[in-house]
Amino acid sequence: MEQKKFTNLHEQMAYGALLEKLVNVSMIVLFISFVLYVGGFLAPLIPIEQLSTVWNLPLEEFLAQTDAPTGWQWVNHIHTGDYLSFAGIAFLVAITGICYLVLLIGFAKDGHKIYLFITSAEIGLIILAAANVMGGSGH
């Protein structure tokens, strides 16, 4: 029985290489933001001392006592130690979309129509999910 050797498309190889680089960058951003927060270099929106008294509260009470942002409002607090790490998390989450754009461009140039369609659909779903168009409850 003859075995066929599998080879990746060059778009897949570019996706993997970019994925590796961007994940490494996001880990560095997350580490730096954590050090800035825990080291006290940036004042947090919610003081660390207050966390242990509020983190077990129901959401409505937590929000009332902390004035914490909801949804994309965290962007307005990126200058605070506790919300700076959200930038690293948002970047980590965005990596898939960024890598899919690389696939999309490659598939379009090489004429891989079915892959182009699938990748376009996935990018569309990512955008809808990020915009909360599908009405997720946030759980």
N, C-alpha and C. Protein backbone atom coordinates (compact mmCIF):
# COMPACT_ATOMS: atom_id res chain seq x y z
N MET A 1 0.84 -1.18 0.00
CA MET A 1 0.00 0.00 0.00
C MET A 1 0.89 1.24 0.00
N GLU A 2 0.67 2.10 -0.98
CA GLU A 2 1.49 3.29 -1.12
C GLU A 2 0.91 4.43 -0.29
N GLN A 3 1.79 5.08 0.48
CA GLN A 3 1.36 6.22 1.28
C GLN A 3 1.66 7.50 0.52
N LYS A 4 0.69 8.42 0.55
CA LYS A 4 0.92 9.72 -0.06
C LYS A 4 1.51 10.65 0.98
N LYS A 5 2.45 11.44 0.53
CA LYS A 5 3.06 12.42 1.43
C LYS A 5 2.19 13.68 1.42
N PHE A 6 1.81 14.11 2.62
CA PHE A 6 0.98 15.30 2.74
C PHE A 6 1.88 16.53 2.81
N THR A 7 1.53 17.54 2.04
CA THR A 7 2.24 18.82 2.12
C THR A 7 1.22 19.92 2.36
N ASN A 8 1.61 20.87 3.19
CA ASN A 8 0.74 22.01 3.49
C ASN A 8 0.79 23.00 2.34
N LEU A 9 -0.31 23.70 2.16
CA LEU A 9 -0.32 24.83 1.24
C LEU A 9 0.58 25.91 1.82
N HIS A 10 1.17 26.73 0.96
CA HIS A 10 2.06 27.77 1.48
C HIS A 10 1.28 28.78 2.33
N GLU A 11 -0.03 28.93 2.08
CA GLU A 11 -0.84 29.80 2.92
C GLU A 11 -0.93 29.26 4.35
N GLN A 12 -1.02 27.95 4.46
CA GLN A 12 -1.07 27.32 5.78
C GLN A 12 0.26 27.52 6.52
N MET A 13 1.34 27.42 5.80
CA MET A 13 2.66 27.63 6.41
C MET A 13 2.81 29.09 6.87
N ALA A 14 2.32 30.03 6.05
CA ALA A 14 2.38 31.45 6.43
C ALA A 14 1.49 31.70 7.66
N TYR A 15 0.32 31.06 7.69
CA TYR A 15 -0.59 31.17 8.83
C TYR A 15 0.12 30.70 10.11
N GLY A 16 0.75 29.54 10.06
CA GLY A 16 1.43 28.99 11.22
C GLY A 16 2.58 29.85 11.69
N ALA A 17 3.37 30.36 10.76
CA ALA A 17 4.51 31.20 11.11
C ALA A 17 4.04 32.50 11.75
N LEU A 18 3.01 33.11 11.17
CA LEU A 18 2.48 34.35 11.73
C LEU A 18 1.83 34.10 13.09
N LEU A 19 1.10 33.02 13.20
CA LEU A 19 0.46 32.66 14.47
C LEU A 19 1.50 32.55 15.59
N GLU A 20 2.60 31.87 15.30
CA GLU A 20 3.64 31.71 16.31
C GLU A 20 4.20 33.06 16.75
N LYS A 21 4.49 33.93 15.79
CA LYS A 21 5.06 35.25 16.13
C LYS A 21 4.08 36.09 16.93
N LEU A 22 2.82 36.13 16.50
CA LEU A 22 1.84 36.96 17.19
C LEU A 22 1.50 36.45 18.58
N VAL A 23 1.46 35.15 18.76
CA VAL A 23 1.22 34.59 20.10
C VAL A 23 2.38 34.96 21.02
N ASN A 24 3.60 34.88 20.53
CA ASN A 24 4.75 35.27 21.34
C ASN A 24 4.68 36.75 21.73
N VAL A 25 4.30 37.61 20.79
CA VAL A 25 4.15 39.04 21.09
C VAL A 25 3.06 39.25 22.14
N SER A 26 1.95 38.56 21.99
CA SER A 26 0.85 38.74 22.94
C SER A 26 1.25 38.25 24.34
N MET A 27 2.02 37.19 24.42
CA MET A 27 2.48 36.71 25.73
C MET A 27 3.39 37.74 26.39
N ILE A 28 4.23 38.39 25.61
CA ILE A 28 5.09 39.45 26.14
C ILE A 28 4.25 40.61 26.64
N VAL A 29 3.26 41.02 25.85
CA VAL A 29 2.36 42.10 26.26
C VAL A 29 1.63 41.73 27.55
N LEU A 30 1.12 40.51 27.63
CA LEU A 30 0.43 40.06 28.84
C LEU A 30 1.37 40.05 30.05
N PHE A 31 2.59 39.59 29.86
CA PHE A 31 3.55 39.56 30.96
C PHE A 31 3.87 40.97 31.44
N ILE A 32 4.15 41.87 30.51
CA ILE A 32 4.49 43.25 30.87
C ILE A 32 3.31 43.92 31.58
N SER A 33 2.10 43.73 31.06
CA SER A 33 0.94 44.37 31.70
C SER A 33 0.71 43.80 33.09
N PHE A 34 0.96 42.51 33.28
CA PHE A 34 0.83 41.89 34.60
C PHE A 34 1.85 42.48 35.57
N VAL A 35 3.09 42.61 35.13
CA VAL A 35 4.14 43.17 35.99
C VAL A 35 3.80 44.62 36.35
N LEU A 36 3.31 45.39 35.39
CA LEU A 36 2.93 46.78 35.68
C LEU A 36 1.80 46.85 36.69
N TYR A 37 0.87 45.91 36.60
CA TYR A 37 -0.26 45.88 37.53
C TYR A 37 0.16 45.42 38.92
N VAL A 38 0.76 44.25 39.01
CA VAL A 38 1.13 43.68 40.30
C VAL A 38 2.25 44.48 40.96
N GLY A 39 3.14 45.04 40.16
CA GLY A 39 4.24 45.84 40.70
C GLY A 39 3.81 47.22 41.17
N GLY A 40 2.57 47.58 40.90
CA GLY A 40 2.06 48.87 41.35
C GLY A 40 2.53 50.05 40.51
N PHE A 41 3.03 49.80 39.31
CA PHE A 41 3.50 50.87 38.45
C PHE A 41 2.34 51.66 37.84
N LEU A 42 1.19 51.01 37.71
CA LEU A 42 -0.02 51.68 37.22
C LEU A 42 -1.13 51.45 38.25
N ALA A 43 -1.77 52.51 38.64
CA ALA A 43 -2.86 52.38 39.62
C ALA A 43 -4.03 51.62 38.99
N PRO A 44 -4.60 50.68 39.73
CA PRO A 44 -5.74 49.94 39.19
C PRO A 44 -7.05 50.72 39.35
N LEU A 45 -8.01 50.39 38.53
CA LEU A 45 -9.35 50.97 38.69
C LEU A 45 -9.97 50.44 39.98
N ILE A 46 -9.84 49.15 40.21
CA ILE A 46 -10.34 48.52 41.44
C ILE A 46 -9.12 48.16 42.28
N PRO A 47 -8.96 48.80 43.43
CA PRO A 47 -7.79 48.51 44.26
C PRO A 47 -7.69 47.03 44.62
N ILE A 48 -6.48 46.51 44.62
CA ILE A 48 -6.25 45.09 44.90
C ILE A 48 -6.84 44.71 46.26
N GLU A 49 -6.73 45.62 47.23
CA GLU A 49 -7.25 45.33 48.57
C GLU A 49 -8.77 45.13 48.56
N GLN A 50 -9.46 45.75 47.62
CA GLN A 50 -10.93 45.66 47.54
C GLN A 50 -11.38 44.37 46.83
N LEU A 51 -10.52 43.79 46.03
CA LEU A 51 -10.91 42.63 45.21
C LEU A 51 -11.47 41.48 46.04
N SER A 52 -10.82 41.16 47.14
CA SER A 52 -11.27 40.01 47.92
C SER A 52 -12.65 40.21 48.54
N THR A 53 -13.09 41.44 48.65
CA THR A 53 -14.43 41.69 49.22
C THR A 53 -15.51 41.78 48.16
N VAL A 54 -15.14 41.93 46.89
CA VAL A 54 -16.16 42.11 45.85
C VAL A 54 -16.21 41.00 44.81
N TRP A 55 -15.18 40.18 44.70
CA TRP A 55 -15.16 39.24 43.58
C TRP A 55 -16.17 38.10 43.70
N ASN A 56 -16.75 37.92 44.85
CA ASN A 56 -17.77 36.87 45.01
C ASN A 56 -19.19 37.42 44.95
N LEU A 57 -19.33 38.71 44.68
CA LEU A 57 -20.65 39.33 44.62
C LEU A 57 -21.36 39.00 43.30
N PRO A 58 -22.70 39.03 43.32
CA PRO A 58 -23.43 38.93 42.04
C PRO A 58 -23.02 40.12 41.15
N LEU A 59 -23.13 39.94 39.87
CA LEU A 59 -22.64 40.93 38.91
C LEU A 59 -23.16 42.33 39.19
N GLU A 60 -24.45 42.47 39.40
CA GLU A 60 -25.03 43.81 39.59
C GLU A 60 -24.41 44.50 40.80
N GLU A 61 -24.22 43.75 41.88
CA GLU A 61 -23.60 44.34 43.08
C GLU A 61 -22.13 44.67 42.83
N PHE A 62 -21.44 43.77 42.16
CA PHE A 62 -20.04 44.02 41.83
C PHE A 62 -19.90 45.31 41.04
N LEU A 63 -20.72 45.47 40.00
CA LEU A 63 -20.66 46.67 39.17
C LEU A 63 -21.01 47.92 39.97
N ALA A 64 -22.00 47.81 40.84
CA ALA A 64 -22.41 48.96 41.65
C ALA A 64 -21.31 49.39 42.62
N GLN A 65 -20.63 48.43 43.22
CA GLN A 65 -19.60 48.75 44.22
C GLN A 65 -18.26 49.17 43.60
N THR A 66 -17.98 48.69 42.40
CA THR A 66 -16.67 48.95 41.81
C THR A 66 -16.68 49.96 40.67
N ASP A 67 -17.86 50.22 40.13
CA ASP A 67 -17.98 51.08 38.94
C ASP A 67 -17.14 50.52 37.79
N ALA A 68 -17.06 49.19 37.73
CA ALA A 68 -16.29 48.53 36.69
C ALA A 68 -17.01 48.67 35.34
N PRO A 69 -16.24 48.80 34.27
CA PRO A 69 -16.85 48.91 32.95
C PRO A 69 -17.41 47.58 32.46
N THR A 70 -18.35 47.65 31.55
CA THR A 70 -18.90 46.45 30.92
C THR A 70 -18.70 46.56 29.41
N GLY A 71 -18.74 45.42 28.75
CA GLY A 71 -18.57 45.41 27.29
C GLY A 71 -17.23 45.99 26.89
N TRP A 72 -17.24 46.77 25.82
CA TRP A 72 -16.02 47.38 25.29
C TRP A 72 -15.62 48.63 26.05
N GLN A 73 -16.33 48.98 27.12
CA GLN A 73 -15.98 50.18 27.91
C GLN A 73 -14.62 50.04 28.59
N TRP A 74 -14.09 48.83 28.67
CA TRP A 74 -12.77 48.64 29.28
C TRP A 74 -11.70 49.44 28.55
N VAL A 75 -11.92 49.71 27.26
CA VAL A 75 -10.93 50.45 26.47
C VAL A 75 -10.70 51.84 27.08
N ASN A 76 -11.74 52.43 27.66
CA ASN A 76 -11.61 53.74 28.29
C ASN A 76 -10.76 53.70 29.56
N HIS A 77 -10.48 52.52 30.08
CA HIS A 77 -9.71 52.37 31.31
C HIS A 77 -8.37 51.65 31.08
N ILE A 78 -7.91 51.65 29.84
CA ILE A 78 -6.69 50.93 29.50
C ILE A 78 -5.46 51.50 30.20
N HIS A 79 -5.58 52.73 30.67
CA HIS A 79 -4.47 53.38 31.39
C HIS A 79 -4.34 52.88 32.83
N THR A 80 -5.29 52.06 33.29
CA THR A 80 -5.22 51.54 34.65
C THR A 80 -4.55 50.17 34.65
N GLY A 81 -3.94 49.83 35.75
CA GLY A 81 -3.18 48.60 35.84
C GLY A 81 -4.00 47.35 35.60
N ASP A 82 -5.22 47.32 36.13
CA ASP A 82 -6.03 46.10 35.99
C ASP A 82 -6.65 45.95 34.61
N TYR A 83 -6.85 47.03 33.89
CA TYR A 83 -7.46 46.92 32.56
C TYR A 83 -6.44 46.96 31.42
N LEU A 84 -5.20 47.29 31.71
CA LEU A 84 -4.17 47.22 30.67
C LEU A 84 -4.01 45.80 30.15
N SER A 85 -4.15 44.82 31.04
CA SER A 85 -4.00 43.43 30.61
C SER A 85 -5.09 43.02 29.62
N PHE A 86 -6.22 43.72 29.62
CA PHE A 86 -7.27 43.42 28.65
C PHE A 86 -6.78 43.66 27.22
N ALA A 87 -5.85 44.61 27.05
CA ALA A 87 -5.29 44.87 25.72
C ALA A 87 -4.55 43.63 25.21
N GLY A 88 -3.76 43.02 26.09
CA GLY A 88 -3.06 41.79 25.71
C GLY A 88 -4.02 40.66 25.41
N ILE A 89 -5.09 40.57 26.19
CA ILE A 89 -6.10 39.53 25.96
C ILE A 89 -6.82 39.79 24.64
N ALA A 90 -7.19 41.05 24.40
CA ALA A 90 -7.87 41.40 23.14
C ALA A 90 -6.98 41.11 21.94
N PHE A 91 -5.69 41.41 22.08
CA PHE A 91 -4.76 41.11 20.99
C PHE A 91 -4.65 39.60 20.78
N LEU A 92 -4.57 38.85 21.86
CA LEU A 92 -4.49 37.39 21.76
C LEU A 92 -5.72 36.84 21.04
N VAL A 93 -6.87 37.37 21.37
CA VAL A 93 -8.12 36.92 20.72
C VAL A 93 -8.14 37.33 19.25
N ALA A 94 -7.59 38.49 18.93
CA ALA A 94 -7.61 39.00 17.55
C ALA A 94 -6.65 38.26 16.62
N ILE A 95 -5.74 37.49 17.19
CA ILE A 95 -4.72 36.82 16.37
C ILE A 95 -5.36 35.91 15.32
N THR A 96 -6.39 35.19 15.69
CA THR A 96 -7.04 34.30 14.72
C THR A 96 -7.53 35.08 13.52
N GLY A 97 -8.18 36.21 13.76
CA GLY A 97 -8.67 37.04 12.66
C GLY A 97 -7.56 37.57 11.79
N ILE A 98 -6.48 38.00 12.43
CA ILE A 98 -5.32 38.52 11.68
C ILE A 98 -4.74 37.42 10.79
N CYS A 99 -4.58 36.24 11.35
CA CYS A 99 -4.03 35.12 10.58
C CYS A 99 -4.98 34.70 9.46
N TYR A 100 -6.28 34.76 9.72
CA TYR A 100 -7.25 34.43 8.68
C TYR A 100 -7.15 35.42 7.51
N LEU A 101 -6.84 36.67 7.80
CA LEU A 101 -6.66 37.64 6.71
C LEU A 101 -5.50 37.24 5.82
N VAL A 102 -4.43 36.72 6.41
CA VAL A 102 -3.29 36.23 5.63
C VAL A 102 -3.75 35.08 4.73
N LEU A 103 -4.53 34.16 5.30
CA LEU A 103 -5.07 33.06 4.49
C LEU A 103 -5.95 33.59 3.36
N LEU A 104 -6.81 34.53 3.69
CA LEU A 104 -7.74 35.09 2.70
C LEU A 104 -6.99 35.68 1.51
N ILE A 105 -5.98 36.47 1.80
CA ILE A 105 -5.19 37.08 0.72
C ILE A 105 -4.49 36.01 -0.12
N GLY A 106 -3.89 35.04 0.54
CA GLY A 106 -3.20 33.96 -0.17
C GLY A 106 -4.15 33.13 -1.02
N PHE A 107 -5.29 32.77 -0.44
CA PHE A 107 -6.26 31.97 -1.19
C PHE A 107 -6.81 32.74 -2.38
N ALA A 108 -7.01 34.06 -2.23
CA ALA A 108 -7.50 34.88 -3.33
C ALA A 108 -6.46 34.94 -4.45
N LYS A 109 -5.19 35.13 -4.08
CA LYS A 109 -4.13 35.21 -5.09
C LYS A 109 -3.95 33.90 -5.83
N ASP A 110 -4.10 32.78 -5.12
CA ASP A 110 -3.85 31.47 -5.73
C ASP A 110 -5.10 30.84 -6.34
N GLY A 111 -6.24 31.50 -6.20
CA GLY A 111 -7.45 30.99 -6.82
C GLY A 111 -8.09 29.79 -6.13
N HIS A 112 -7.83 29.60 -4.85
CA HIS A 112 -8.44 28.52 -4.08
C HIS A 112 -9.84 28.98 -3.64
N LYS A 113 -10.81 28.82 -4.53
CA LYS A 113 -12.14 29.41 -4.30
C LYS A 113 -12.86 28.85 -3.08
N ILE A 114 -12.83 27.55 -2.87
CA ILE A 114 -13.55 26.98 -1.74
C ILE A 114 -12.90 27.41 -0.43
N TYR A 115 -11.57 27.43 -0.37
CA TYR A 115 -10.88 27.90 0.83
C TYR A 115 -11.15 29.39 1.05
N LEU A 116 -11.21 30.14 -0.04
CA LEU A 116 -11.50 31.57 0.05
C LEU A 116 -12.89 31.79 0.64
N PHE A 117 -13.86 31.00 0.19
CA PHE A 117 -15.23 31.12 0.71
C PHE A 117 -15.27 30.76 2.20
N ILE A 118 -14.66 29.65 2.57
CA ILE A 118 -14.68 29.21 3.97
C ILE A 118 -14.01 30.24 4.87
N THR A 119 -12.84 30.74 4.44
CA THR A 119 -12.12 31.72 5.23
C THR A 119 -12.91 33.02 5.34
N SER A 120 -13.54 33.45 4.27
CA SER A 120 -14.37 34.66 4.30
C SER A 120 -15.52 34.50 5.28
N ALA A 121 -16.17 33.34 5.26
CA ALA A 121 -17.27 33.08 6.18
C ALA A 121 -16.79 33.11 7.63
N GLU A 122 -15.64 32.52 7.89
CA GLU A 122 -15.10 32.51 9.25
C GLU A 122 -14.74 33.91 9.72
N ILE A 123 -14.15 34.72 8.85
CA ILE A 123 -13.83 36.10 9.21
C ILE A 123 -15.12 36.87 9.51
N GLY A 124 -16.15 36.64 8.69
CA GLY A 124 -17.44 37.29 8.94
C GLY A 124 -18.01 36.93 10.30
N LEU A 125 -17.92 35.66 10.66
CA LEU A 125 -18.41 35.23 11.97
C LEU A 125 -17.61 35.84 13.11
N ILE A 126 -16.31 35.95 12.92
CA ILE A 126 -15.46 36.58 13.95
C ILE A 126 -15.89 38.03 14.16
N ILE A 127 -16.13 38.73 13.07
CA ILE A 127 -16.55 40.14 13.16
C ILE A 127 -17.90 40.25 13.84
N LEU A 128 -18.84 39.40 13.46
CA LEU A 128 -20.17 39.42 14.11
C LEU A 128 -20.07 39.12 15.59
N ALA A 129 -19.24 38.16 15.95
CA ALA A 129 -19.09 37.82 17.37
C ALA A 129 -18.45 38.96 18.15
N ALA A 130 -17.42 39.59 17.57
CA ALA A 130 -16.74 40.69 18.25
C ALA A 130 -17.67 41.89 18.44
N ALA A 131 -18.57 42.09 17.49
CA ALA A 131 -19.52 43.20 17.59
C ALA A 131 -20.74 42.83 18.43
N ASN A 132 -20.81 41.59 18.89
CA ASN A 132 -21.92 41.07 19.69
C ASN A 132 -23.24 41.17 18.92
N VAL A 133 -23.17 41.05 17.61
CA VAL A 133 -24.36 41.10 16.76
C VAL A 133 -25.27 39.90 17.01
N MET A 134 -24.67 38.78 17.37
CA MET A 134 -25.44 37.56 17.56
C MET A 134 -26.13 37.50 18.92
N GLY A 135 -25.97 38.54 19.73
CA GLY A 135 -26.71 38.64 20.98
C GLY A 135 -26.30 37.65 22.05
N GLY A 136 -25.03 37.35 22.13
CA GLY A 136 -24.56 36.47 23.20
C GLY A 136 -24.78 37.09 24.56
N SER A 137 -24.95 36.26 25.55
CA SER A 137 -25.22 36.78 26.89
C SER A 137 -23.96 37.11 27.65
N GLY A 138 -22.79 36.83 27.08
CA GLY A 138 -21.54 37.15 27.76
C GLY A 138 -21.10 36.08 28.73
N HIS A 139 -21.71 34.93 28.71
CA HIS A 139 -21.32 33.85 29.64
C HIS A 139 -20.36 32.91 28.95
